[in-house]
Amino acid sequence: MARFHHTVTVTALDRAWFEECAALTPDVVEATRTDSEGALLEAGEKVPGVRLVRGRHPRTGARCTVTSAPSSTAPGSAPGAPPATMTVRIREWRRSTGIAVEHPSSGSLCDGASAGEWTRPARGGTRRPARTSRPPTHCGRSTSRP
C-alpha cells in the first residue's frame, strides 16, 4: 500500500478583522432577497451561484446551494476543476439569542461538517462568532498496486 503525506501551512487571520467581518454577516444576509433568479443583494446585484432551495430566507430550516464558478484553464494546461456545489443549512436564526449555520460535506475521501455560530453573550458585550468542525466520520484511503 502506498502512503501519501502532505503538510500545508496556513496563515492565521487577524482576529479583530475576522470578528468585524463576522459581525456584519447577519446584516448582509438579512438584507439579501431571494427570488426565482437566485439571491440578490440589497441594491439588487445578483449573488453568483447562490440559490434558495428550501424554506424561507433567512429562517430556521432554510437551505441554499452555493455553486462555485468553474476553474479557468490556461492554454496548454490541464482542464480546470468543474464547478462544485455545496449546501448551507440554517440551523437557527434568532438575532436575539443566536444564529447557527451548517455546511455538511461529503465526498469520496471524507465525510464531515463545519458550522458557524453567532451567539449573544449572557451579560452584555458583543456577539462572538465561532466556527466548529465535526471530525470526518469516514475517510477513504489511497492504495496502489505495482
N, C-alpha and C. Protein backbone atom coordinates (compact mmCIF):
# COMPACT_ATOMS: atom_id res chain seq x y z
N MET A 1 0.84 -1.16 0.00
CA MET A 1 0.00 0.00 0.00
C MET A 1 0.89 1.24 0.00
N ALA A 2 0.55 2.20 -0.81
CA ALA A 2 1.29 3.46 -0.84
C ALA A 2 0.69 4.42 0.19
N ARG A 3 1.54 5.20 0.82
CA ARG A 3 1.07 6.22 1.76
C ARG A 3 1.51 7.58 1.26
N PHE A 4 0.64 8.52 1.37
CA PHE A 4 0.94 9.88 0.95
C PHE A 4 0.84 10.79 2.16
N HIS A 5 1.75 11.74 2.25
CA HIS A 5 1.74 12.68 3.36
C HIS A 5 2.04 14.06 2.79
N HIS A 6 1.28 15.05 3.27
CA HIS A 6 1.49 16.40 2.78
C HIS A 6 1.21 17.38 3.92
N THR A 7 2.00 18.42 4.02
CA THR A 7 1.80 19.45 5.03
C THR A 7 1.46 20.76 4.35
N VAL A 8 0.48 21.44 4.90
CA VAL A 8 0.06 22.74 4.38
C VAL A 8 0.21 23.76 5.49
N THR A 9 0.84 24.89 5.18
CA THR A 9 0.98 25.97 6.15
C THR A 9 -0.10 27.01 5.84
N VAL A 10 -0.86 27.37 6.85
CA VAL A 10 -1.95 28.32 6.69
C VAL A 10 -1.66 29.53 7.58
N THR A 11 -1.75 30.71 7.02
CA THR A 11 -1.54 31.92 7.79
C THR A 11 -2.83 32.27 8.53
N ALA A 12 -2.71 32.54 9.80
CA ALA A 12 -3.88 32.88 10.62
C ALA A 12 -4.44 34.24 10.21
N LEU A 13 -5.76 34.35 10.28
CA LEU A 13 -6.41 35.62 10.04
C LEU A 13 -6.25 36.52 11.25
N ASP A 14 -6.24 37.82 11.04
CA ASP A 14 -6.24 38.76 12.14
C ASP A 14 -7.58 38.64 12.86
N ARG A 15 -7.56 38.38 14.15
CA ARG A 15 -8.78 38.12 14.90
C ARG A 15 -9.74 39.31 14.86
N ALA A 16 -9.24 40.53 15.05
CA ALA A 16 -10.10 41.71 15.04
C ALA A 16 -10.78 41.87 13.69
N TRP A 17 -10.04 41.67 12.60
CA TRP A 17 -10.62 41.76 11.26
C TRP A 17 -11.71 40.71 11.07
N PHE A 18 -11.42 39.46 11.49
CA PHE A 18 -12.39 38.39 11.35
C PHE A 18 -13.66 38.69 12.15
N GLU A 19 -13.52 39.14 13.38
CA GLU A 19 -14.69 39.43 14.21
C GLU A 19 -15.52 40.57 13.63
N GLU A 20 -14.86 41.57 13.05
CA GLU A 20 -15.58 42.68 12.43
C GLU A 20 -16.39 42.18 11.22
N CYS A 21 -15.76 41.36 10.39
CA CYS A 21 -16.46 40.81 9.22
C CYS A 21 -17.61 39.89 9.64
N ALA A 22 -17.35 39.06 10.63
CA ALA A 22 -18.39 38.14 11.10
C ALA A 22 -19.57 38.89 11.70
N ALA A 23 -19.32 40.01 12.36
CA ALA A 23 -20.40 40.80 12.94
C ALA A 23 -21.30 41.41 11.86
N LEU A 24 -20.75 41.68 10.68
CA LEU A 24 -21.54 42.25 9.58
C LEU A 24 -22.35 41.19 8.82
N THR A 25 -21.93 39.95 8.91
CA THR A 25 -22.56 38.88 8.13
C THR A 25 -24.07 38.78 8.33
N PRO A 26 -24.59 38.75 9.57
CA PRO A 26 -26.06 38.65 9.72
C PRO A 26 -26.80 39.80 9.06
N ASP A 27 -26.26 41.04 9.12
CA ASP A 27 -26.92 42.18 8.48
C ASP A 27 -26.99 42.00 6.96
N VAL A 28 -25.88 41.55 6.37
CA VAL A 28 -25.85 41.35 4.92
C VAL A 28 -26.81 40.23 4.51
N VAL A 29 -26.81 39.13 5.27
CA VAL A 29 -27.71 38.01 4.94
C VAL A 29 -29.16 38.45 5.04
N GLU A 30 -29.52 39.18 6.09
CA GLU A 30 -30.91 39.60 6.25
C GLU A 30 -31.34 40.61 5.18
N ALA A 31 -30.42 41.40 4.66
CA ALA A 31 -30.75 42.38 3.62
C ALA A 31 -30.82 41.73 2.24
N THR A 32 -30.32 40.50 2.10
CA THR A 32 -30.34 39.79 0.83
C THR A 32 -31.73 39.22 0.57
N ARG A 33 -32.19 39.35 -0.65
CA ARG A 33 -33.50 38.81 -1.06
C ARG A 33 -33.30 37.60 -1.96
N THR A 34 -34.29 36.74 -2.01
CA THR A 34 -34.23 35.60 -2.92
C THR A 34 -35.46 35.62 -3.82
N ASP A 35 -35.27 35.19 -5.05
CA ASP A 35 -36.39 35.04 -5.98
C ASP A 35 -36.05 33.90 -6.93
N SER A 36 -36.82 33.76 -7.98
CA SER A 36 -36.60 32.65 -8.92
C SER A 36 -35.25 32.73 -9.62
N GLU A 37 -34.64 33.90 -9.64
CA GLU A 37 -33.34 34.08 -10.28
C GLU A 37 -32.17 33.74 -9.35
N GLY A 38 -32.44 33.59 -8.06
CA GLY A 38 -31.37 33.32 -7.10
C GLY A 38 -31.39 34.32 -5.97
N ALA A 39 -30.22 34.70 -5.48
CA ALA A 39 -30.11 35.64 -4.37
C ALA A 39 -29.69 37.01 -4.89
N LEU A 40 -30.28 38.06 -4.31
CA LEU A 40 -29.98 39.42 -4.71
C LEU A 40 -29.58 40.24 -3.48
N LEU A 41 -28.48 40.99 -3.60
CA LEU A 41 -28.07 41.89 -2.53
C LEU A 41 -29.08 43.01 -2.39
N GLU A 42 -28.98 43.78 -1.32
CA GLU A 42 -29.93 44.86 -1.05
C GLU A 42 -30.07 45.82 -2.22
N ALA A 43 -28.98 46.10 -2.93
CA ALA A 43 -29.01 47.03 -4.08
C ALA A 43 -29.52 46.36 -5.36
N GLY A 44 -29.84 45.06 -5.30
CA GLY A 44 -30.35 44.36 -6.47
C GLY A 44 -29.31 43.60 -7.26
N GLU A 45 -28.06 43.65 -6.84
CA GLU A 45 -26.99 42.92 -7.53
C GLU A 45 -27.11 41.43 -7.24
N LYS A 46 -26.99 40.62 -8.29
CA LYS A 46 -27.11 39.17 -8.14
C LYS A 46 -25.88 38.59 -7.42
N VAL A 47 -26.12 37.63 -6.54
CA VAL A 47 -25.05 36.92 -5.86
C VAL A 47 -24.78 35.66 -6.68
N PRO A 48 -23.66 35.59 -7.39
CA PRO A 48 -23.40 34.46 -8.29
C PRO A 48 -23.39 33.12 -7.57
N GLY A 49 -24.10 32.16 -8.13
CA GLY A 49 -24.05 30.78 -7.66
C GLY A 49 -24.88 30.46 -6.43
N VAL A 50 -25.61 31.43 -5.85
CA VAL A 50 -26.39 31.18 -4.63
C VAL A 50 -27.86 31.04 -4.99
N ARG A 51 -28.48 29.97 -4.50
CA ARG A 51 -29.90 29.72 -4.78
C ARG A 51 -30.57 29.13 -3.55
N LEU A 52 -31.72 29.67 -3.17
CA LEU A 52 -32.53 29.13 -2.09
C LEU A 52 -33.25 27.90 -2.61
N VAL A 53 -33.08 26.75 -1.95
CA VAL A 53 -33.70 25.52 -2.44
C VAL A 53 -34.78 24.99 -1.50
N ARG A 54 -34.83 25.50 -0.25
CA ARG A 54 -35.86 25.03 0.67
C ARG A 54 -36.07 26.09 1.75
N GLY A 55 -37.32 26.28 2.13
CA GLY A 55 -37.64 27.17 3.23
C GLY A 55 -37.72 28.63 2.83
N ARG A 56 -37.77 29.49 3.86
CA ARG A 56 -37.81 30.94 3.65
C ARG A 56 -36.50 31.55 4.11
N HIS A 57 -36.03 32.52 3.38
CA HIS A 57 -34.74 33.16 3.68
C HIS A 57 -34.96 34.34 4.60
N PRO A 58 -34.15 34.59 5.57
CA PRO A 58 -33.28 33.63 6.29
C PRO A 58 -34.01 33.12 7.53
N ARG A 59 -34.55 31.98 7.47
CA ARG A 59 -35.30 31.39 8.58
C ARG A 59 -34.71 30.04 8.93
N THR A 60 -34.97 29.60 10.15
CA THR A 60 -34.52 28.29 10.59
C THR A 60 -35.04 27.23 9.62
N GLY A 61 -34.16 26.34 9.20
CA GLY A 61 -34.53 25.26 8.28
C GLY A 61 -34.29 25.58 6.80
N ALA A 62 -34.03 26.84 6.48
CA ALA A 62 -33.79 27.20 5.08
C ALA A 62 -32.49 26.56 4.59
N ARG A 63 -32.47 26.19 3.31
CA ARG A 63 -31.27 25.63 2.70
C ARG A 63 -30.98 26.36 1.40
N CYS A 64 -29.71 26.65 1.22
CA CYS A 64 -29.24 27.29 -0.01
C CYS A 64 -28.15 26.44 -0.62
N THR A 65 -28.05 26.47 -1.92
CA THR A 65 -26.90 25.85 -2.57
C THR A 65 -25.99 26.97 -3.06
N VAL A 66 -24.71 26.69 -2.98
CA VAL A 66 -23.70 27.64 -3.46
C VAL A 66 -22.84 26.88 -4.46
N THR A 67 -22.84 27.35 -5.70
CA THR A 67 -22.08 26.71 -6.76
C THR A 67 -20.92 27.60 -7.16
N SER A 68 -19.72 27.03 -7.11
CA SER A 68 -18.53 27.80 -7.49
C SER A 68 -18.45 27.92 -9.00
N ALA A 69 -17.75 28.93 -9.43
CA ALA A 69 -17.51 29.08 -10.87
C ALA A 69 -16.48 28.03 -11.29
N PRO A 70 -16.57 27.52 -12.52
CA PRO A 70 -15.58 26.55 -12.96
C PRO A 70 -14.19 27.20 -13.01
N SER A 71 -13.18 26.41 -12.70
CA SER A 71 -11.81 26.92 -12.76
C SER A 71 -11.45 27.22 -14.20
N SER A 72 -10.78 28.33 -14.41
CA SER A 72 -10.37 28.66 -15.77
C SER A 72 -9.11 27.86 -16.12
N THR A 73 -8.93 27.63 -17.36
CA THR A 73 -7.75 26.90 -17.81
C THR A 73 -6.94 27.76 -18.75
N ALA A 74 -5.66 27.73 -18.55
CA ALA A 74 -4.76 28.47 -19.43
C ALA A 74 -4.50 27.61 -20.66
N PRO A 75 -4.27 28.21 -21.80
CA PRO A 75 -3.97 27.41 -22.99
C PRO A 75 -2.78 26.49 -22.74
N GLY A 76 -2.93 25.24 -23.12
CA GLY A 76 -1.86 24.26 -22.96
C GLY A 76 -1.78 23.63 -21.58
N SER A 77 -2.70 23.99 -20.66
CA SER A 77 -2.66 23.40 -19.32
C SER A 77 -3.77 22.35 -19.19
N ALA A 78 -3.71 21.63 -18.09
CA ALA A 78 -4.72 20.61 -17.82
C ALA A 78 -6.08 21.27 -17.63
N PRO A 79 -7.17 20.54 -17.90
CA PRO A 79 -8.50 21.12 -17.71
C PRO A 79 -8.70 21.57 -16.27
N GLY A 80 -9.47 22.66 -16.10
CA GLY A 80 -9.76 23.18 -14.76
C GLY A 80 -10.76 22.30 -14.04
N ALA A 81 -10.90 22.55 -12.76
CA ALA A 81 -11.84 21.80 -11.94
C ALA A 81 -13.27 22.18 -12.34
N PRO A 82 -14.18 21.21 -12.34
CA PRO A 82 -15.57 21.52 -12.64
C PRO A 82 -16.19 22.31 -11.49
N PRO A 83 -17.32 22.96 -11.71
CA PRO A 83 -17.96 23.69 -10.63
C PRO A 83 -18.31 22.74 -9.48
N ALA A 84 -18.18 23.22 -8.27
CA ALA A 84 -18.54 22.43 -7.09
C ALA A 84 -19.75 23.08 -6.43
N THR A 85 -20.66 22.26 -5.93
CA THR A 85 -21.86 22.79 -5.26
C THR A 85 -21.88 22.30 -3.83
N MET A 86 -22.16 23.21 -2.90
CA MET A 86 -22.31 22.82 -1.50
C MET A 86 -23.65 23.34 -1.01
N THR A 87 -24.15 22.72 0.03
CA THR A 87 -25.41 23.12 0.64
C THR A 87 -25.13 23.76 1.99
N VAL A 88 -25.80 24.85 2.26
CA VAL A 88 -25.69 25.53 3.55
C VAL A 88 -27.08 25.49 4.17
N ARG A 89 -27.16 25.02 5.42
CA ARG A 89 -28.44 24.91 6.12
C ARG A 89 -28.44 25.85 7.31
N ILE A 90 -29.52 26.61 7.48
CA ILE A 90 -29.67 27.47 8.65
C ILE A 90 -30.28 26.63 9.76
N ARG A 91 -29.49 26.35 10.80
CA ARG A 91 -29.99 25.57 11.94
C ARG A 91 -30.81 26.44 12.88
N GLU A 92 -30.41 27.71 13.01
CA GLU A 92 -31.13 28.64 13.89
C GLU A 92 -30.91 30.06 13.38
N TRP A 93 -31.97 30.88 13.37
CA TRP A 93 -31.84 32.28 13.00
C TRP A 93 -32.69 33.10 13.94
N ARG A 94 -32.11 33.45 15.08
CA ARG A 94 -32.76 34.30 16.07
C ARG A 94 -31.73 35.33 16.50
N ARG A 95 -31.85 36.55 16.01
CA ARG A 95 -30.85 37.58 16.32
C ARG A 95 -30.76 37.84 17.81
N SER A 96 -31.86 37.63 18.54
CA SER A 96 -31.85 37.91 19.98
C SER A 96 -31.03 36.89 20.77
N THR A 97 -30.91 35.67 20.27
CA THR A 97 -30.18 34.64 21.03
C THR A 97 -29.02 34.03 20.27
N GLY A 98 -29.18 33.78 18.99
CA GLY A 98 -28.08 33.20 18.25
C GLY A 98 -28.45 32.82 16.83
N ILE A 99 -27.42 32.66 16.04
CA ILE A 99 -27.56 32.27 14.64
C ILE A 99 -26.60 31.11 14.42
N ALA A 100 -27.07 30.05 13.77
CA ALA A 100 -26.20 28.91 13.51
C ALA A 100 -26.46 28.40 12.09
N VAL A 101 -25.39 28.20 11.35
CA VAL A 101 -25.48 27.63 10.01
C VAL A 101 -24.56 26.42 9.93
N GLU A 102 -24.90 25.50 9.05
CA GLU A 102 -24.12 24.27 8.92
C GLU A 102 -23.85 23.99 7.45
N HIS A 103 -22.67 23.49 7.20
CA HIS A 103 -22.29 23.08 5.85
C HIS A 103 -21.84 21.63 5.91
N PRO A 104 -22.77 20.69 5.66
CA PRO A 104 -22.34 19.29 5.63
C PRO A 104 -21.48 19.04 4.40
N SER A 105 -20.48 18.20 4.54
CA SER A 105 -19.64 17.89 3.39
C SER A 105 -19.49 16.39 3.27
N SER A 106 -19.44 15.94 2.06
CA SER A 106 -19.21 14.52 1.82
C SER A 106 -18.53 14.39 0.47
N GLY A 107 -17.78 13.34 0.36
CA GLY A 107 -17.07 13.11 -0.88
C GLY A 107 -16.43 11.75 -0.85
N SER A 108 -15.64 11.48 -1.85
CA SER A 108 -15.02 10.16 -1.93
C SER A 108 -13.95 9.98 -0.87
N LEU A 109 -13.40 11.09 -0.35
CA LEU A 109 -12.33 10.95 0.64
C LEU A 109 -12.81 11.12 2.08
N CYS A 110 -13.67 12.09 2.37
CA CYS A 110 -14.07 12.34 3.75
C CYS A 110 -15.52 12.80 3.82
N ASP A 111 -16.17 12.46 4.93
CA ASP A 111 -17.50 12.95 5.26
C ASP A 111 -17.38 13.70 6.58
N GLY A 112 -18.00 14.85 6.69
CA GLY A 112 -17.95 15.62 7.92
C GLY A 112 -18.82 16.84 7.78
N ALA A 113 -18.61 17.84 8.62
CA ALA A 113 -19.39 19.07 8.54
C ALA A 113 -18.64 20.18 9.22
N SER A 114 -18.95 21.40 8.82
CA SER A 114 -18.45 22.56 9.55
C SER A 114 -19.65 23.44 9.84
N ALA A 115 -19.54 24.21 10.89
CA ALA A 115 -20.66 25.05 11.31
C ALA A 115 -20.14 26.38 11.77
N GLY A 116 -20.97 27.40 11.64
CA GLY A 116 -20.64 28.72 12.15
C GLY A 116 -21.76 29.18 13.05
N GLU A 117 -21.42 29.84 14.14
CA GLU A 117 -22.43 30.32 15.07
C GLU A 117 -22.10 31.73 15.50
N TRP A 118 -23.15 32.54 15.64
CA TRP A 118 -23.04 33.87 16.21
C TRP A 118 -23.95 33.85 17.41
N THR A 119 -23.40 34.05 18.59
CA THR A 119 -24.21 33.99 19.80
C THR A 119 -24.10 35.28 20.59
N ARG A 120 -25.15 35.58 21.32
CA ARG A 120 -25.16 36.77 22.18
C ARG A 120 -24.70 36.34 23.56
N PRO A 121 -23.75 37.07 24.14
CA PRO A 121 -23.29 36.74 25.48
C PRO A 121 -24.41 36.89 26.50
N ALA A 122 -24.33 36.15 27.59
CA ALA A 122 -25.37 36.18 28.62
C ALA A 122 -25.49 37.56 29.27
N ARG A 123 -24.35 38.26 29.46
CA ARG A 123 -24.38 39.57 30.12
C ARG A 123 -23.71 40.62 29.26
N GLY A 124 -24.47 41.31 28.45
CA GLY A 124 -23.93 42.41 27.65
C GLY A 124 -22.82 41.97 26.72
N GLY A 125 -21.96 42.90 26.35
CA GLY A 125 -20.85 42.57 25.46
C GLY A 125 -21.31 42.51 24.02
N THR A 126 -20.43 42.01 23.20
CA THR A 126 -20.74 41.91 21.78
C THR A 126 -20.85 40.45 21.38
N ARG A 127 -21.46 40.24 20.23
CA ARG A 127 -21.58 38.88 19.72
C ARG A 127 -20.21 38.34 19.39
N ARG A 128 -20.02 37.08 19.62
CA ARG A 128 -18.75 36.42 19.30
C ARG A 128 -19.02 35.34 18.27
N PRO A 129 -18.37 35.44 17.13
CA PRO A 129 -18.53 34.37 16.14
C PRO A 129 -17.72 33.16 16.56
N ALA A 130 -18.19 32.00 16.18
CA ALA A 130 -17.45 30.77 16.44
C ALA A 130 -17.57 29.88 15.23
N ARG A 131 -16.55 29.13 14.95
CA ARG A 131 -16.59 28.16 13.85
C ARG A 131 -16.18 26.83 14.42
N THR A 132 -16.97 25.83 14.14
CA THR A 132 -16.64 24.49 14.62
C THR A 132 -16.62 23.54 13.44
N SER A 133 -15.88 22.50 13.59
CA SER A 133 -15.85 21.45 12.57
C SER A 133 -16.08 20.12 13.24
N ARG A 134 -16.96 19.34 12.65
CA ARG A 134 -17.17 17.99 13.13
C ARG A 134 -16.14 17.13 12.44
N PRO A 135 -15.43 16.29 13.19
CA PRO A 135 -14.41 15.47 12.54
C PRO A 135 -15.02 14.56 11.49
N PRO A 136 -14.23 14.21 10.49
CA PRO A 136 -14.75 13.32 9.46
C PRO A 136 -15.24 12.01 10.06
N THR A 137 -16.36 11.53 9.54
CA THR A 137 -16.88 10.25 10.00
C THR A 137 -16.36 9.11 9.14
N HIS A 138 -15.85 9.44 7.98
CA HIS A 138 -15.33 8.42 7.07
C HIS A 138 -14.22 9.05 6.25
N CYS A 139 -13.11 8.40 6.19
CA CYS A 139 -12.04 8.87 5.30
C CYS A 139 -11.55 7.69 4.47
N GLY A 140 -11.52 7.89 3.16
CA GLY A 140 -11.03 6.86 2.27
C GLY A 140 -9.52 6.77 2.32
N ARG A 141 -8.97 5.73 1.76
CA ARG A 141 -7.53 5.55 1.71
C ARG A 141 -7.10 5.34 0.27
N SER A 142 -5.91 5.85 -0.01
CA SER A 142 -5.35 5.64 -1.34
C SER A 142 -4.50 4.40 -1.33
N THR A 143 -4.69 3.59 -2.31
CA THR A 143 -3.85 2.40 -2.43
C THR A 143 -3.35 2.33 -3.84
N SER A 144 -2.21 1.69 -3.99
CA SER A 144 -1.70 1.48 -5.35
C SER A 144 -1.06 0.09 -5.39
N ARG A 145 -1.15 -0.48 -6.54
CA ARG A 145 -0.56 -1.81 -6.74
C ARG A 145 0.40 -1.72 -7.90
N PRO A 146 1.58 -2.36 -7.75
CA PRO A 146 2.55 -2.30 -8.86
C PRO A 146 2.04 -3.00 -10.10
